[in-house]
C-alpha cells in the first residue's frame, strides 16, 4: 500500500498536466487492495503513524465515490451504464460482487481449486520486483509498451 502522499502528489500532478481541477485531473484512477491488511511501512512509526499515512486518511478519500467511479470507468471502457441499469442498482451490485468480502468468500479462495481444477496459485502473482517477466512474453511486453507510448503521445511525458 502506498503512502497517501503518493496519491496526493499524483492528484496534484494530474490536475496540473490536464489543466483540470477535478480529482486526479478528471482521469480514472483505480486503487485496489485491502486497506486493513496491506499497510505500508513507516520506519520507526507505530500504529497511529501507519493509519494516518494511509489513503483513508487523505483529503482525497471523501472525493472517492465508488458508484461514480465505476460509472466513469465503464464510460472510459466504452460501455457506459444505461439509465435503467443505474436505477436498477446494477452499479451497486457490481460493487458488491467485487467487494473484498464477496471475493474472499469465493470457492477458489477457500478450497484452492477453481472450476477448471487448476490450483489457485496460477491466479496469483508473488508481488516480487520484475515478477511480471515470469508471466509476459517479449511480444506481450512490446505490445504493452506500444499501447502506453500511444496513450501518452502528445502529452510531453517520456516513457
Protein backbone atom coordinates (compact mmCIF):
# COMPACT_ATOMS: atom_id res chain seq x y z
CA UNK A 1 0.00 0.00 0.00
CA UNK A 2 1.36 3.41 -0.90
CA UNK A 3 1.55 6.35 1.44
CA UNK A 4 -1.31 8.85 1.00
CA UNK A 5 1.23 11.47 -0.06
CA UNK A 6 1.91 9.46 -3.24
CA UNK A 7 -1.78 9.66 -4.18
CA UNK A 8 -1.97 13.33 -3.25
CA UNK A 9 1.11 14.09 -5.38
CA UNK A 10 -0.38 12.13 -8.29
CA UNK A 11 -3.61 14.10 -7.88
CA UNK A 12 -1.80 17.45 -7.98
CA UNK A 13 0.34 16.38 -10.95
CA UNK A 14 -2.64 15.18 -12.99
CA UNK A 15 -4.58 18.35 -12.18
CA UNK A 16 -1.63 20.40 -13.46
CA UNK A 17 -0.99 18.26 -16.55
CA UNK A 18 -4.66 18.07 -17.53
CA UNK A 19 -5.36 21.70 -16.51
CA UNK A 20 -8.43 20.38 -14.71
CA UNK A 21 -9.49 20.89 -11.09
CA UNK A 22 -11.31 17.54 -10.81
CA UNK A 23 -9.83 14.80 -8.64
CA UNK A 24 -6.87 13.19 -10.47
CA UNK A 25 -7.33 15.69 -13.29
CA UNK A 26 -10.58 14.01 -14.29
CA UNK A 27 -8.78 10.75 -15.08
CA UNK A 28 -9.91 7.34 -13.90
CA UNK A 29 -7.52 6.03 -11.24
CA UNK A 30 -8.04 2.54 -9.88
CA UNK A 31 -6.81 1.94 -6.33
CA UNK A 32 -7.01 -1.59 -5.03
CA UNK A 33 -6.08 -3.63 -2.05
CA UNK A 34 -7.45 -4.27 1.39
CA UNK A 35 -6.64 -1.12 3.32
CA UNK A 36 -6.98 -3.03 6.60
CA UNK A 37 -4.46 -5.72 5.69
CA UNK A 38 -1.83 -4.39 3.32
CA UNK A 39 -0.38 -1.45 5.16
CA UNK A 40 2.76 0.40 4.19
CA UNK A 41 5.78 0.57 6.46
CA UNK A 42 6.50 3.75 8.39
CA UNK A 43 10.06 3.47 9.66
CA UNK A 44 10.01 3.73 13.46
CA UNK A 45 6.33 4.64 13.27
CA UNK A 46 3.64 2.98 15.30
CA UNK A 47 0.05 2.10 14.53
CA UNK A 48 -1.18 5.70 14.56
CA UNK A 49 1.51 6.88 12.13
CA UNK A 50 0.73 3.99 9.79
CA UNK A 51 -3.02 4.63 9.82
CA UNK A 52 -2.54 8.38 9.33
CA UNK A 53 -0.37 7.72 6.26
CA UNK A 54 -2.99 5.54 4.54
CA UNK A 55 -5.22 6.68 1.68
CA UNK A 56 -8.23 6.50 4.01
CA UNK A 57 -6.76 9.45 5.95
CA UNK A 58 -6.13 11.53 2.85
CA UNK A 59 -8.10 14.61 1.91
CA UNK A 60 -8.82 12.74 -1.34
CA UNK A 61 -10.72 9.94 0.38
CA UNK A 62 -14.00 11.87 0.66
CA UNK A 63 -13.88 12.52 -3.10
CA UNK A 64 -13.74 8.79 -3.84
CA UNK A 65 -17.29 7.75 -4.56
CA UNK A 66 -17.25 4.11 -5.70
CA UNK A 67 -20.52 4.18 -7.68
CA UNK A 68 -19.45 7.28 -9.60
CA UNK A 69 -16.01 5.80 -10.24
CA UNK A 70 -17.45 2.53 -11.58
CA UNK A 71 -19.71 4.53 -13.93
CA UNK A 72 -16.73 6.63 -15.08
CA UNK A 73 -14.66 3.50 -15.63
CA UNK A 74 -17.45 1.88 -17.66
CA UNK A 75 -17.76 5.01 -19.78
CA UNK A 76 -13.97 5.12 -20.27
CA UNK A 77 -14.07 1.49 -21.44
CA UNK A 78 -16.77 2.35 -23.95
CA UNK A 79 -19.65 0.52 -22.27
CA UNK A 80 -21.47 3.11 -20.16
CA UNK A 81 -24.42 2.15 -17.98
CA UNK A 82 -27.92 2.93 -19.22
CA UNK A 83 -30.30 4.93 -17.03
CA UNK A 84 -32.27 1.73 -16.49
CA UNK A 85 -29.15 -0.06 -15.21
CA UNK A 86 -28.32 2.83 -12.89
CA UNK A 87 -31.84 2.91 -11.43
CA UNK A 88 -31.98 -0.89 -11.09
CA UNK A 89 -28.98 -0.97 -8.71
CA UNK A 90 -26.72 -2.63 -11.31
CA UNK A 91 -23.78 -0.40 -10.33
CA UNK A 92 -24.17 -1.22 -6.64
CA UNK A 93 -24.49 -4.94 -7.47
CA UNK A 94 -21.19 -4.78 -9.37
CA UNK A 95 -19.56 -3.08 -6.39
CA UNK A 96 -20.91 -5.81 -4.10
CA UNK A 97 -19.69 -8.58 -6.45
CA UNK A 98 -16.23 -7.01 -6.49
CA UNK A 99 -16.09 -6.33 -2.75
CA UNK A 100 -13.31 -7.91 -0.75
CA UNK A 101 -15.93 -9.60 1.43
CA UNK A 102 -17.51 -11.30 -1.58
CA UNK A 103 -14.21 -12.15 -3.29
CA UNK A 104 -12.73 -13.65 -0.12
CA UNK A 105 -15.72 -16.00 0.13
CA UNK A 106 -15.31 -17.45 -3.38
CA UNK A 107 -14.63 -21.19 -3.59
CA UNK A 108 -11.24 -20.58 -5.18
CA UNK A 109 -10.13 -18.75 -2.05
CA UNK A 110 -11.48 -21.41 0.27
CA UNK A 111 -10.69 -24.71 -1.45
CA UNK A 112 -7.70 -23.62 -3.53
CA UNK A 113 -9.35 -25.21 -6.60
CA UNK A 114 -11.08 -23.32 -9.40
CA UNK A 115 -13.90 -24.58 -11.59
CA UNK A 116 -11.26 -25.87 -14.04
CA UNK A 117 -9.40 -27.79 -11.29
CA UNK A 118 -6.32 -25.62 -11.61
CA UNK A 119 -4.50 -24.86 -8.39
CA UNK A 120 -5.25 -21.35 -7.12
CA UNK A 121 -1.57 -20.37 -7.34
CA UNK A 122 -1.91 -19.94 -11.11
CA UNK A 123 -4.17 -16.93 -10.50
CA UNK A 124 -1.90 -15.02 -8.11
CA UNK A 125 1.47 -13.38 -8.56
CA UNK A 126 4.06 -13.25 -5.81
CA UNK A 127 4.36 -9.44 -5.98
CA UNK A 128 8.12 -9.50 -6.49
CA UNK A 129 10.07 -6.83 -8.35
CA UNK A 130 10.20 -7.78 -12.04
CA UNK A 131 7.88 -10.74 -11.30
CA UNK A 132 5.84 -9.76 -14.36
CA UNK A 133 8.69 -11.14 -16.51
CA UNK A 134 7.61 -14.64 -15.45
CA UNK A 135 4.12 -14.04 -16.86
CA UNK A 136 4.68 -11.99 -20.04
CA UNK A 137 6.47 -12.84 -23.27
CA UNK A 138 8.71 -10.32 -25.05
CA UNK A 139 5.94 -9.83 -27.58
CA UNK A 140 3.43 -9.01 -24.82
CA UNK A 141 5.92 -6.57 -23.29
CA UNK A 142 6.36 -4.81 -26.66
CA UNK A 143 2.58 -4.55 -27.14
CA UNK A 144 2.12 -3.02 -23.68
CA UNK A 145 4.97 -0.55 -24.33
CA UNK A 146 3.39 0.37 -27.67
CA UNK A 147 -0.03 0.99 -26.07
CA UNK A 148 1.48 3.12 -23.28
CA UNK A 149 3.51 5.18 -25.74
CA UNK A 150 0.41 5.65 -27.90
CA UNK A 151 -1.68 6.81 -24.92
CA UNK A 152 0.97 9.29 -23.76
CA UNK A 153 1.71 10.59 -27.27
CA UNK A 154 1.49 14.36 -27.35
CA UNK A 155 1.44 14.67 -23.55
CA UNK A 156 5.09 15.62 -23.31
CA UNK A 157 5.76 12.66 -21.00
CA UNK A 158 8.60 10.33 -21.98
CA UNK A 159 8.49 6.66 -21.03
